[in-house]
PDB file of all heavy atoms in Angstrom:
ATOM      1  N   ARG A   1     -55.804-106.649  54.566  1.00  0.00           N
ATOM      2  CA  ARG A   1     -57.142-106.596  54.873  1.00  0.00           C
ATOM      3  C   ARG A   1     -57.516-107.771  55.682  1.00  0.00           C
ATOM      4  O   ARG A   1     -58.404-107.747  56.666  1.00  0.00           O
ATOM      5  CB  ARG A   1     -57.968-106.463  53.605  1.00  0.00           C
ATOM      6  CG  ARG A   1     -57.821-105.054  52.909  1.00  0.00           C
ATOM      7  CD  ARG A   1     -58.954-104.843  51.904  1.00  0.00           C
ATOM      8  NE  ARG A   1     -58.677-105.639  50.740  1.00  0.00           N
ATOM      9  CZ  ARG A   1     -58.006-105.315  49.693  1.00  0.00           C
ATOM     10  NH1 ARG A   1     -57.483-104.145  49.688  1.00  0.00           N
ATOM     11  NH2 ARG A   1     -57.789-106.012  48.672  1.00  0.00           N
ATOM     12  N   ALA A   2     -57.011-108.969  55.349  1.00  0.00           N
ATOM     13  CA  ALA A   2     -57.383-110.121  56.151  1.00  0.00           C
ATOM     14  C   ALA A   2     -56.793-109.959  57.613  1.00  0.00           C
ATOM     15  O   ALA A   2     -57.482-110.482  58.457  1.00  0.00           O
ATOM     16  CB  ALA A   2     -56.737-111.326  55.429  1.00  0.00           C
ATOM     17  N   VAL A   3     -55.704-109.392  57.765  1.00  0.00           N
ATOM     18  CA  VAL A   3     -55.199-109.198  59.081  1.00  0.00           C
ATOM     19  C   VAL A   3     -56.060-108.340  59.872  1.00  0.00           C
ATOM     20  O   VAL A   3     -56.345-108.588  61.045  1.00  0.00           O
ATOM     21  CB  VAL A   3     -53.686-108.567  59.002  1.00  0.00           C
ATOM     22  CG1 VAL A   3     -53.272-108.037  60.391  1.00  0.00           C
ATOM     23  CG2 VAL A   3     -52.788-109.597  58.586  1.00  0.00           C
ATOM     24  N   ASP A   4     -56.637-107.283  59.323  1.00  0.00           N
ATOM     25  CA  ASP A   4     -57.666-106.423  59.967  1.00  0.00           C
ATOM     26  C   ASP A   4     -58.858-107.308  60.504  1.00  0.00           C
ATOM     27  O   ASP A   4     -59.401-107.085  61.604  1.00  0.00           O
ATOM     28  CB  ASP A   4     -58.089-105.295  59.076  1.00  0.00           C
ATOM     29  CG  ASP A   4     -57.079-104.202  58.917  1.00  0.00           C
ATOM     30  OD1 ASP A   4     -56.212-104.140  59.802  1.00  0.00           O
ATOM     31  OD2 ASP A   4     -57.198-103.469  57.909  1.00  0.00           O
ATOM     32  N   SER A   5     -59.219-108.199  59.594  1.00  0.00           N
ATOM     33  CA  SER A   5     -60.386-109.052  59.948  1.00  0.00           C
ATOM     34  C   SER A   5     -59.993-109.901  61.271  1.00  0.00           C
ATOM     35  O   SER A   5     -60.864-110.159  62.252  1.00  0.00           O
ATOM     36  CB  SER A   5     -60.717-110.010  58.947  1.00  0.00           C
ATOM     37  OG  SER A   5     -61.309-109.270  57.785  1.00  0.00           O
ATOM     38  N   VAL A   6     -58.698-110.404  61.308  1.00  0.00           N
ATOM     39  CA  VAL A   6     -58.239-111.226  62.417  1.00  0.00           C
ATOM     40  C   VAL A   6     -58.316-110.357  63.663  1.00  0.00           C
ATOM     41  O   VAL A   6     -58.771-110.797  64.752  1.00  0.00           O
ATOM     42  CB  VAL A   6     -56.817-111.797  62.086  1.00  0.00           C
ATOM     43  CG1 VAL A   6     -56.271-112.468  63.270  1.00  0.00           C
ATOM     44  CG2 VAL A   6     -56.922-112.697  60.959  1.00  0.00           C
ATOM     45  N   LEU A   7     -57.724-109.214  63.501  1.00  0.00           N
ATOM     46  CA  LEU A   7     -57.634-108.256  64.752  1.00  0.00           C
ATOM     47  C   LEU A   7     -59.008-107.841  65.320  1.00  0.00           C
ATOM     48  O   LEU A   7     -59.303-107.900  66.449  1.00  0.00           O
ATOM     49  CB  LEU A   7     -56.834-107.049  64.376  1.00  0.00           C
ATOM     50  CG  LEU A   7     -55.393-107.278  63.924  1.00  0.00           C
ATOM     51  CD1 LEU A   7     -54.676-105.984  63.540  1.00  0.00           C
ATOM     52  CD2 LEU A   7     -54.647-107.963  65.053  1.00  0.00           C
ATOM     53  N   ASN A   8     -59.900-107.667  64.395  1.00  0.00           N
ATOM     54  CA  ASN A   8     -61.255-107.170  64.689  1.00  0.00           C
ATOM     55  C   ASN A   8     -61.994-108.269  65.370  1.00  0.00           C
ATOM     56  O   ASN A   8     -62.934-108.044  66.220  1.00  0.00           O
ATOM     57  CB  ASN A   8     -62.082-106.670  63.555  1.00  0.00           C
ATOM     58  CG  ASN A   8     -61.505-105.323  62.968  1.00  0.00           C
ATOM     59  OD1 ASN A   8     -60.861-104.635  63.715  1.00  0.00           O
ATOM     60  ND2 ASN A   8     -61.793-105.169  61.679  1.00  0.00           N
ATOM     61  N   ALA A   9     -61.613-109.553  65.178  1.00  0.00           N
ATOM     62  CA  ALA A   9     -62.206-110.681  65.761  1.00  0.00           C
ATOM     63  C   ALA A   9     -61.725-111.072  67.047  1.00  0.00           C
ATOM     64  O   ALA A   9     -62.157-112.018  67.758  1.00  0.00           O
ATOM     65  CB  ALA A   9     -62.142-111.985  64.810  1.00  0.00           C
ATOM     66  N   GLY A  10     -60.583-110.325  67.474  1.00  0.00           N
ATOM     67  CA  GLY A  10     -59.893-110.585  68.735  1.00  0.00           C
ATOM     68  C   GLY A  10     -59.078-111.888  68.718  1.00  0.00           C
ATOM     69  O   GLY A  10     -58.814-112.459  69.784  1.00  0.00           O
ATOM     70  N   VAL A  11     -58.668-112.370  67.537  1.00  0.00           N
ATOM     71  CA  VAL A  11     -57.883-113.415  67.314  1.00  0.00           C
ATOM     72  C   VAL A  11     -56.370-113.112  67.241  1.00  0.00           C
ATOM     73  O   VAL A  11     -56.067-112.071  66.634  1.00  0.00           O
ATOM     74  CB  VAL A  11     -58.266-114.180  66.118  1.00  0.00           C
ATOM     75  CG1 VAL A  11     -57.275-115.451  65.748  1.00  0.00           C
ATOM     76  CG2 VAL A  11     -59.713-114.717  66.329  1.00  0.00           C
ATOM     77  N   LYS A  12     -55.473-113.932  67.770  1.00  0.00           N
ATOM     78  CA  LYS A  12     -54.050-113.594  67.771  1.00  0.00           C
ATOM     79  C   LYS A  12     -53.486-114.035  66.389  1.00  0.00           C
ATOM     80  O   LYS A  12     -53.923-114.977  65.813  1.00  0.00           O
ATOM     81  CB  LYS A  12     -53.309-114.361  68.804  1.00  0.00           C
ATOM     82  CG  LYS A  12     -53.711-113.808  70.322  1.00  0.00           C
ATOM     83  CD  LYS A  12     -53.329-112.340  70.560  1.00  0.00           C
ATOM     84  CE  LYS A  12     -53.695-111.854  71.897  1.00  0.00           C
ATOM     85  NZ  LYS A  12     -53.176-110.421  72.078  1.00  0.00           N
ATOM     86  N   LEU A  13     -52.435-113.378  65.976  1.00  0.00           N
ATOM     87  CA  LEU A  13     -51.839-113.513  64.716  1.00  0.00           C
ATOM     88  C   LEU A  13     -50.428-114.053  64.868  1.00  0.00           C
ATOM     89  O   LEU A  13     -49.632-113.406  65.635  1.00  0.00           O
ATOM     90  CB  LEU A  13     -51.798-112.218  63.914  1.00  0.00           C
ATOM     91  CG  LEU A  13     -51.165-112.302  62.521  1.00  0.00           C
ATOM     92  CD1 LEU A  13     -52.077-113.157  61.567  1.00  0.00           C
ATOM     93  CD2 LEU A  13     -51.253-110.862  61.879  1.00  0.00           C
ATOM     94  N   LEU A  14     -50.030-115.034  64.170  1.00  0.00           N
ATOM     95  CA  LEU A  14     -48.730-115.639  64.156  1.00  0.00           C
ATOM     96  C   LEU A  14     -48.218-115.811  62.756  1.00  0.00           C
ATOM     97  O   LEU A  14     -48.984-116.473  61.851  1.00  0.00           O
ATOM     98  CB  LEU A  14     -48.765-117.044  64.822  1.00  0.00           C
ATOM     99  CG  LEU A  14     -47.361-117.886  64.714  1.00  0.00           C
ATOM    100  CD1 LEU A  14     -46.301-117.260  65.485  1.00  0.00           C
ATOM    101  CD2 LEU A  14     -47.682-119.287  65.243  1.00  0.00           C
ATOM    102  N   CYS A  15     -47.282-115.161  62.324  1.00  0.00           N
ATOM    103  CA  CYS A  15     -46.865-115.222  60.837  1.00  0.00           C
ATOM    104  C   CYS A  15     -45.399-115.031  60.660  1.00  0.00           C
ATOM    105  O   CYS A  15     -44.637-114.819  61.575  1.00  0.00           O
ATOM    106  CB  CYS A  15     -47.555-113.964  60.039  1.00  0.00           C
ATOM    107  SG  CYS A  15     -46.817-112.379  60.559  1.00  0.00           S
ATOM    108  N   THR A  16     -44.948-115.227  59.358  1.00  0.00           N
ATOM    109  CA  THR A  16     -43.576-114.939  59.009  1.00  0.00           C
ATOM    110  C   THR A  16     -43.392-113.892  57.985  1.00  0.00           C
ATOM    111  O   THR A  16     -44.368-113.603  57.324  1.00  0.00           O
ATOM    112  CB  THR A  16     -43.004-116.322  58.541  1.00  0.00           C
ATOM    113  OG1 THR A  16     -43.411-116.561  57.243  1.00  0.00           O
ATOM    114  CG2 THR A  16     -43.174-117.456  59.402  1.00  0.00           C
ATOM    115  N   ALA A  17     -42.263-113.433  57.821  1.00  0.00           N
ATOM    116  CA  ALA A  17     -41.845-112.414  56.777  1.00  0.00           C
ATOM    117  C   ALA A  17     -40.508-112.519  56.314  1.00  0.00           C
ATOM    118  O   ALA A  17     -39.598-112.838  57.176  1.00  0.00           O
ATOM    119  CB  ALA A  17     -42.201-111.008  57.172  1.00  0.00           C
ATOM    120  N   HIS A  18     -40.123-112.272  55.074  1.00  0.00           N
ATOM    121  CA  HIS A  18     -38.726-112.268  54.580  1.00  0.00           C
ATOM    122  C   HIS A  18     -38.064-110.896  55.064  1.00  0.00           C
ATOM    123  O   HIS A  18     -38.642-109.852  55.052  1.00  0.00           O
ATOM    124  CB  HIS A  18     -38.693-112.214  53.050  1.00  0.00           C
ATOM    125  CG  HIS A  18     -38.932-113.635  52.450  1.00  0.00           C
ATOM    126  ND1 HIS A  18     -38.153-114.714  52.852  1.00  0.00           N
ATOM    127  CD2 HIS A  18     -39.792-114.075  51.508  1.00  0.00           C
ATOM    128  CE1 HIS A  18     -38.564-115.790  52.130  1.00  0.00           C
ATOM    129  NE2 HIS A  18     -39.546-115.345  51.348  1.00  0.00           N
ATOM    130  N   GLY A  19     -36.837-111.138  55.591  1.00  0.00           N
ATOM    131  CA  GLY A  19     -36.081-109.879  55.956  1.00  0.00           C
ATOM    132  C   GLY A  19     -34.901-110.311  56.785  1.00  0.00           C
ATOM    133  O   GLY A  19     -34.771-111.435  57.262  1.00  0.00           O
ATOM    134  N   ARG A  20     -33.984-109.398  56.967  1.00  0.00           N
ATOM    135  CA  ARG A  20     -32.777-109.601  57.844  1.00  0.00           C
ATOM    136  C   ARG A  20     -33.085-109.312  59.299  1.00  0.00           C
ATOM    137  O   ARG A  20     -32.586-109.817  60.260  1.00  0.00           O
ATOM    138  CB  ARG A  20     -31.606-108.872  57.374  1.00  0.00           C
ATOM    139  CG  ARG A  20     -31.070-109.278  55.993  1.00  0.00           C
ATOM    140  CD  ARG A  20     -29.766-108.543  55.659  1.00  0.00           C
ATOM    141  NE  ARG A  20     -30.041-107.095  55.563  1.00  0.00           N
ATOM    142  CZ  ARG A  20     -30.440-106.462  54.504  1.00  0.00           C
ATOM    143  NH1 ARG A  20     -30.734-107.172  53.399  1.00  0.00           N
ATOM    144  NH2 ARG A  20     -30.605-105.144  54.503  1.00  0.00           N
ATOM    145  N   ASP A  21     -33.989-108.299  59.509  1.00  0.00           N
ATOM    146  CA  ASP A  21     -34.468-107.832  60.800  1.00  0.00           C
ATOM    147  C   ASP A  21     -35.637-106.976  60.713  1.00  0.00           C
ATOM    148  O   ASP A  21     -36.166-106.900  59.606  1.00  0.00           O
ATOM    149  CB  ASP A  21     -33.203-107.013  61.399  1.00  0.00           C
ATOM    150  CG  ASP A  21     -32.705-105.970  60.560  1.00  0.00           C
ATOM    151  OD1 ASP A  21     -33.441-105.254  59.744  1.00  0.00           O
ATOM    152  OD2 ASP A  21     -31.461-105.580  60.546  1.00  0.00           O
ATOM    153  N   VAL A  22     -36.036-106.481  61.834  1.00  0.00           N
ATOM    154  CA  VAL A  22     -37.328-105.575  61.843  1.00  0.00           C
ATOM    155  C   VAL A  22     -37.084-104.380  60.924  1.00  0.00           C
ATOM    156  O   VAL A  22     -38.109-104.077  60.132  1.00  0.00           O
ATOM    157  CB  VAL A  22     -37.610-105.118  63.240  1.00  0.00           C
ATOM    158  CG1 VAL A  22     -38.941-104.363  63.154  1.00  0.00           C
ATOM    159  CG2 VAL A  22     -37.846-106.451  64.079  1.00  0.00           C
ATOM    160  N   ALA A  23     -36.038-103.729  60.929  1.00  0.00           N
ATOM    161  CA  ALA A  23     -35.782-102.554  60.027  1.00  0.00           C
ATOM    162  C   ALA A  23     -35.900-102.992  58.613  1.00  0.00           C
ATOM    163  O   ALA A  23     -36.457-102.202  57.753  1.00  0.00           O
ATOM    164  CB  ALA A  23     -34.396-102.015  60.263  1.00  0.00           C
ATOM    165  N   ASP A  24     -35.451-104.161  58.190  1.00  0.00           N
ATOM    166  CA  ASP A  24     -35.552-104.564  56.894  1.00  0.00           C
ATOM    167  C   ASP A  24     -37.020-104.869  56.504  1.00  0.00           C
ATOM    168  O   ASP A  24     -37.419-104.514  55.333  1.00  0.00           O
ATOM    169  CB  ASP A  24     -34.711-105.927  56.655  1.00  0.00           C
ATOM    170  CG  ASP A  24     -34.246-106.200  55.199  1.00  0.00           C
ATOM    171  OD1 ASP A  24     -34.249-105.205  54.489  1.00  0.00           O
ATOM    172  OD2 ASP A  24     -34.128-107.363  54.956  1.00  0.00           O
ATOM    173  N   VAL A  25     -37.819-105.373  57.359  1.00  0.00           N
ATOM    174  CA  VAL A  25     -39.154-105.590  57.163  1.00  0.00           C
ATOM    175  C   VAL A  25     -39.951-104.150  56.940  1.00  0.00           C
ATOM    176  O   VAL A  25     -40.845-104.015  56.044  1.00  0.00           O
ATOM    177  CB  VAL A  25     -39.893-106.409  58.168  1.00  0.00           C
ATOM    178  CG1 VAL A  25     -41.380-106.361  58.147  1.00  0.00           C
ATOM    179  CG2 VAL A  25     -39.406-107.816  58.170  1.00  0.00           C
ATOM    180  N   MET A  26     -39.475-103.216  57.765  1.00  0.00           N
ATOM    181  CA  MET A  26     -40.193-101.933  57.688  1.00  0.00           C
ATOM    182  C   MET A  26     -39.808-101.215  56.407  1.00  0.00           C
ATOM    183  O   MET A  26     -40.504-100.381  55.965  1.00  0.00           O
ATOM    184  CB  MET A  26     -39.643-101.126  58.840  1.00  0.00           C
ATOM    185  CG  MET A  26     -40.283-101.368  60.200  1.00  0.00           C
ATOM    186  SD  MET A  26     -42.124-101.081  60.260  1.00  0.00           S
ATOM    187  CE  MET A  26     -42.024 -99.349  60.232  1.00  0.00           C
ATOM    188  N   ALA A  27     -38.784-101.575  55.709  1.00  0.00           N
ATOM    189  CA  ALA A  27     -38.368-100.924  54.446  1.00  0.00           C
ATOM    190  C   ALA A  27     -39.109-101.574  53.250  1.00  0.00           C
ATOM    191  O   ALA A  27     -39.161-101.101  52.211  1.00  0.00           O
ATOM    192  CB  ALA A  27     -36.930-101.224  54.240  1.00  0.00           C
ATOM    193  N   ASN A  28     -39.806-102.683  53.483  1.00  0.00           N
ATOM    194  CA  ASN A  28     -40.645-103.332  52.552  1.00  0.00           C
ATOM    195  C   ASN A  28     -42.083-102.684  52.410  1.00  0.00           C
ATOM    196  O   ASN A  28     -42.744-102.740  53.432  1.00  0.00           O
ATOM    197  CB  ASN A  28     -40.840-104.893  52.968  1.00  0.00           C
ATOM    198  CG  ASN A  28     -41.518-105.599  51.803  1.00  0.00           C
ATOM    199  OD1 ASN A  28     -42.419-105.075  51.108  1.00  0.00           O
ATOM    200  ND2 ASN A  28     -41.265-106.941  51.748  1.00  0.00           N
ATOM    201  N   PRO A  29     -42.270-102.065  51.294  1.00  0.00           N
ATOM    202  CA  PRO A  29     -43.666-101.324  51.274  1.00  0.00           C
ATOM    203  C   PRO A  29     -44.850-102.200  51.544  1.00  0.00           C
ATOM    204  O   PRO A  29     -45.894-101.593  52.124  1.00  0.00           O
ATOM    205  CB  PRO A  29     -43.683-100.828  49.780  1.00  0.00           C
ATOM    206  CG  PRO A  29     -42.227-100.785  49.348  1.00  0.00           C
ATOM    207  CD  PRO A  29     -41.589-101.959  50.098  1.00  0.00           C
ATOM    208  N   SER A  30     -44.892-103.432  51.190  1.00  0.00           N
ATOM    209  CA  SER A  30     -46.008-104.280  51.471  1.00  0.00           C
ATOM    210  C   SER A  30     -46.160-104.634  52.946  1.00  0.00           C
ATOM    211  O   SER A  30     -47.241-105.144  53.295  1.00  0.00           O
ATOM    212  CB  SER A  30     -45.939-105.540  50.591  1.00  0.00           C
ATOM    213  OG  SER A  30     -44.878-106.363  50.956  1.00  0.00           O
ATOM    214  N   LEU A  31     -45.186-104.417  53.752  1.00  0.00           N
ATOM    215  CA  LEU A  31     -45.204-104.829  55.174  1.00  0.00           C
ATOM    216  C   LEU A  31     -45.071-103.617  56.117  1.00  0.00           C
ATOM    217  O   LEU A  31     -45.500-103.754  57.259  1.00  0.00           O
ATOM    218  CB  LEU A  31     -44.112-105.749  55.452  1.00  0.00           C
ATOM    219  CG  LEU A  31     -44.165-107.219  54.830  1.00  0.00           C
ATOM    220  CD1 LEU A  31     -42.938-107.993  54.989  1.00  0.00           C
ATOM    221  CD2 LEU A  31     -45.401-108.018  55.286  1.00  0.00           C
ATOM    222  N   SER A  32     -44.526-102.626  55.646  1.00  0.00           N
ATOM    223  CA  SER A  32     -44.236-101.467  56.636  1.00  0.00           C
ATOM    224  C   SER A  32     -45.467-100.877  57.187  1.00  0.00           C
ATOM    225  O   SER A  32     -45.444-100.569  58.428  1.00  0.00           O
ATOM    226  CB  SER A  32     -43.385-100.316  55.840  1.00  0.00           C
ATOM    227  OG  SER A  32     -44.249 -99.848  54.765  1.00  0.00           O
ATOM    228  N   ALA A  33     -46.548-100.779  56.429  1.00  0.00           N
ATOM    229  CA  ALA A  33     -47.735-100.290  57.071  1.00  0.00           C
ATOM    230  C   ALA A  33     -48.318-101.112  58.048  1.00  0.00           C
ATOM    231  O   ALA A  33     -48.709-100.675  59.115  1.00  0.00           O
ATOM    232  CB  ALA A  33     -48.904 -99.989  55.907  1.00  0.00           C
ATOM    233  N   MET A  34     -48.304-102.462  57.873  1.00  0.00           N
ATOM    234  CA  MET A  34     -48.794-103.414  58.815  1.00  0.00           C
ATOM    235  C   MET A  34     -47.902-103.478  60.177  1.00  0.00           C
ATOM    236  O   MET A  34     -48.505-103.396  61.232  1.00  0.00           O
ATOM    237  CB  MET A  34     -48.740-104.796  58.171  1.00  0.00           C
ATOM    238  CG  MET A  34     -49.617-105.813  58.881  1.00  0.00           C
ATOM    239  SD  MET A  34     -49.363-107.516  58.087  1.00  0.00           S
ATOM    240  CE  MET A  34     -49.714-107.090  56.392  1.00  0.00           C
ATOM    241  N   VAL A  35     -46.655-103.445  60.001  1.00  0.00           N
ATOM    242  CA  VAL A  35     -45.775-103.447  61.116  1.00  0.00           C
ATOM    243  C   VAL A  35     -45.737-102.125  61.839  1.00  0.00           C
ATOM    244  O   VAL A  35     -45.807-102.084  63.069  1.00  0.00           O
ATOM    245  CB  VAL A  35     -44.311-103.914  60.789  1.00  0.00           C
ATOM    246  CG1 VAL A  35     -43.405-103.709  61.898  1.00  0.00           C
ATOM    247  CG2 VAL A  35     -44.233-105.250  60.064  1.00  0.00           C
ATOM    248  N   GLY A  36     -45.800-101.053  61.090  1.00  0.00           N
ATOM    249  CA  GLY A  36     -45.740 -99.745  61.589  1.00  0.00           C
ATOM    250  C   GLY A  36     -46.992 -99.421  62.436  1.00  0.00           C
ATOM    251  O   GLY A  36     -46.952 -98.391  63.345  1.00  0.00           O
ATOM    252  N   ARG A  37     -48.080-100.073  62.271  1.00  0.00           N
ATOM    253  CA  ARG A  37     -49.301 -99.911  63.056  1.00  0.00           C
ATOM    254  C   ARG A  37     -49.159-100.343  64.527  1.00  0.00           C
ATOM    255  O   ARG A  37     -50.072-100.153  65.349  1.00  0.00           O
ATOM    256  CB  ARG A  37     -50.477-100.517  62.417  1.00  0.00           C
ATOM    257  CG  ARG A  37     -50.956 -99.807  61.173  1.00  0.00           C
ATOM    258  CD  ARG A  37     -51.926-100.648  60.373  1.00  0.00           C
ATOM    259  NE  ARG A  37     -53.032-101.118  61.195  1.00  0.00           N
ATOM    260  CZ  ARG A  37     -53.947-102.015  60.916  1.00  0.00           C
ATOM    261  NH1 ARG A  37     -53.698-102.737  59.748  1.00  0.00           N
ATOM    262  NH2 ARG A  37     -54.839-102.364  61.642  1.00  0.00           N
ATOM    263  N   GLY A  38     -48.041-101.039  64.708  1.00  0.00           N
ATOM    264  CA  GLY A  38     -47.896-101.624  66.257  1.00  0.00           C
ATOM    265  C   GLY A  38     -48.701-102.858  66.484  1.00  0.00           C
ATOM    266  O   GLY A  38     -48.898-103.065  67.543  1.00  0.00           O
ATOM    267  N   ILE A  39     -49.056-103.555  65.445  1.00  0.00           N
ATOM    268  CA  ILE A  39     -49.921-104.800  65.673  1.00  0.00           C
ATOM    269  C   ILE A  39     -49.077-105.877  66.408  1.00  0.00           C
ATOM    270  O   ILE A  39     -49.560-106.400  67.284  1.00  0.00           O
ATOM    271  CB  ILE A  39     -50.344-105.398  64.239  1.00  0.00           C
ATOM    272  CG1 ILE A  39     -51.194-104.371  63.535  1.00  0.00           C
ATOM    273  CG2 ILE A  39     -50.893-106.791  64.390  1.00  0.00           C
ATOM    274  CD1 ILE A  39     -51.488-104.915  62.079  1.00  0.00           C
ATOM    275  N   PHE A  40     -47.819-106.018  66.103  1.00  0.00           N
ATOM    276  CA  PHE A  40     -47.038-107.130  66.556  1.00  0.00           C
ATOM    277  C   PHE A  40     -46.422-106.832  67.880  1.00  0.00           C
ATOM    278  O   PHE A  40     -45.808-105.751  68.021  1.00  0.00           O
ATOM    279  CB  PHE A  40     -46.008-107.628  65.545  1.00  0.00           C
ATOM    280  CG  PHE A  40     -46.631-108.132  64.254  1.00  0.00           C
ATOM    281  CD1 PHE A  40     -46.854-107.292  63.238  1.00  0.00           C
ATOM    282  CD2 PHE A  40     -47.189-109.473  64.286  1.00  0.00           C
ATOM    283  CE1 PHE A  40     -47.361-107.916  62.064  1.00  0.00           C
ATOM    284  CE2 PHE A  40     -47.754-109.936  63.143  1.00  0.00           C
ATOM    285  CZ  PHE A  40     -47.830-109.207  62.115  1.00  0.00           C
ATOM    286  N   GLU A  41     -46.537-107.747  68.774  1.00  0.00           N
ATOM    287  CA  GLU A  41     -46.069-107.606  70.135  1.00  0.00           C
ATOM    288  C   GLU A  41     -44.654-108.190  70.366  1.00  0.00           C
ATOM    289  O   GLU A  41     -43.851-107.994  71.337  1.00  0.00           O
ATOM    290  CB  GLU A  41     -47.013-108.142  71.207  1.00  0.00           C
ATOM    291  CG  GLU A  41     -48.353-107.569  71.178  1.00  0.00           C
ATOM    292  CD  GLU A  41     -49.353-108.440  71.777  1.00  0.00           C
ATOM    293  OE1 GLU A  41     -49.879-109.351  71.303  1.00  0.00           O
ATOM    294  OE2 GLU A  41     -49.666-108.014  73.009  1.00  0.00           O
ATOM    295  N   ARG A  42     -44.353-109.230  69.433  1.00  0.00           N
ATOM    296  CA  ARG A  42     -43.149-109.914  69.489  1.00  0.00           C
ATOM    297  C   ARG A  42     -42.469-110.134  68.108  1.00  0.00           C
ATOM    298  O   ARG A  42     -43.185-110.381  67.055  1.00  0.00           O
ATOM    299  CB  ARG A  42     -43.326-111.330  70.076  1.00  0.00           C
ATOM    300  CG  ARG A  42     -43.694-111.331  71.620  1.00  0.00           C
ATOM    301  CD  ARG A  42     -42.533-110.764  72.436  1.00  0.00           C
ATOM    302  NE  ARG A  42     -42.801-110.894  73.990  1.00  0.00           N
ATOM    303  CZ  ARG A  42     -43.450-109.917  74.587  1.00  0.00           C
ATOM    304  NH1 ARG A  42     -43.798-108.737  74.015  1.00  0.00           N
ATOM    305  NH2 ARG A  42     -43.722-110.014  75.888  1.00  0.00           N
ATOM    306  N   PHE A  43     -41.197-110.059  67.926  1.00  0.00           N
ATOM    307  CA  PHE A  43     -40.520-110.246  66.661  1.00  0.00           C
ATOM    308  C   PHE A  43     -39.453-111.264  67.003  1.00  0.00           C
ATOM    309  O   PHE A  43     -38.545-111.035  67.874  1.00  0.00           O
ATOM    310  CB  PHE A  43     -39.912-109.004  66.183  1.00  0.00           C
ATOM    311  CG  PHE A  43     -40.866-107.987  65.693  1.00  0.00           C
ATOM    312  CD1 PHE A  43     -41.262-106.971  66.591  1.00  0.00           C
ATOM    313  CD2 PHE A  43     -41.442-107.990  64.409  1.00  0.00           C
ATOM    314  CE1 PHE A  43     -42.232-105.952  66.248  1.00  0.00           C
ATOM    315  CE2 PHE A  43     -42.397-106.948  64.080  1.00  0.00           C
ATOM    316  CZ  PHE A  43     -42.824-106.052  64.957  1.00  0.00           C
ATOM    317  N   ILE A  44     -39.420-112.401  66.200  1.00  0.00           N
ATOM    318  CA  ILE A  44     -38.433-113.348  66.269  1.00  0.00           C
ATOM    319  C   ILE A  44     -37.517-113.280  65.098  1.00  0.00           C
ATOM    320  O   ILE A  44     -38.089-113.455  63.955  1.00  0.00           O
ATOM    321  CB  ILE A  44     -38.981-114.802  66.441  1.00  0.00           C
ATOM    322  CG1 ILE A  44     -39.914-114.882  67.664  1.00  0.00           C
ATOM    323  CG2 ILE A  44     -37.974-115.882  66.525  1.00  0.00           C
ATOM    324  CD1 ILE A  44     -40.721-116.204  67.671  1.00  0.00           C
TER     325      ILE A  44
END
């Protein structure tokens, strides 16, 4: 919900997440919806 507020304000988001790769993050229920929406433009 806080991320939605950031996006609605036109502010860029920089964050971290636990995982081995993007597929691993997508398998995490708490992160899959956020990542699946296509918010992030870059993954390191």
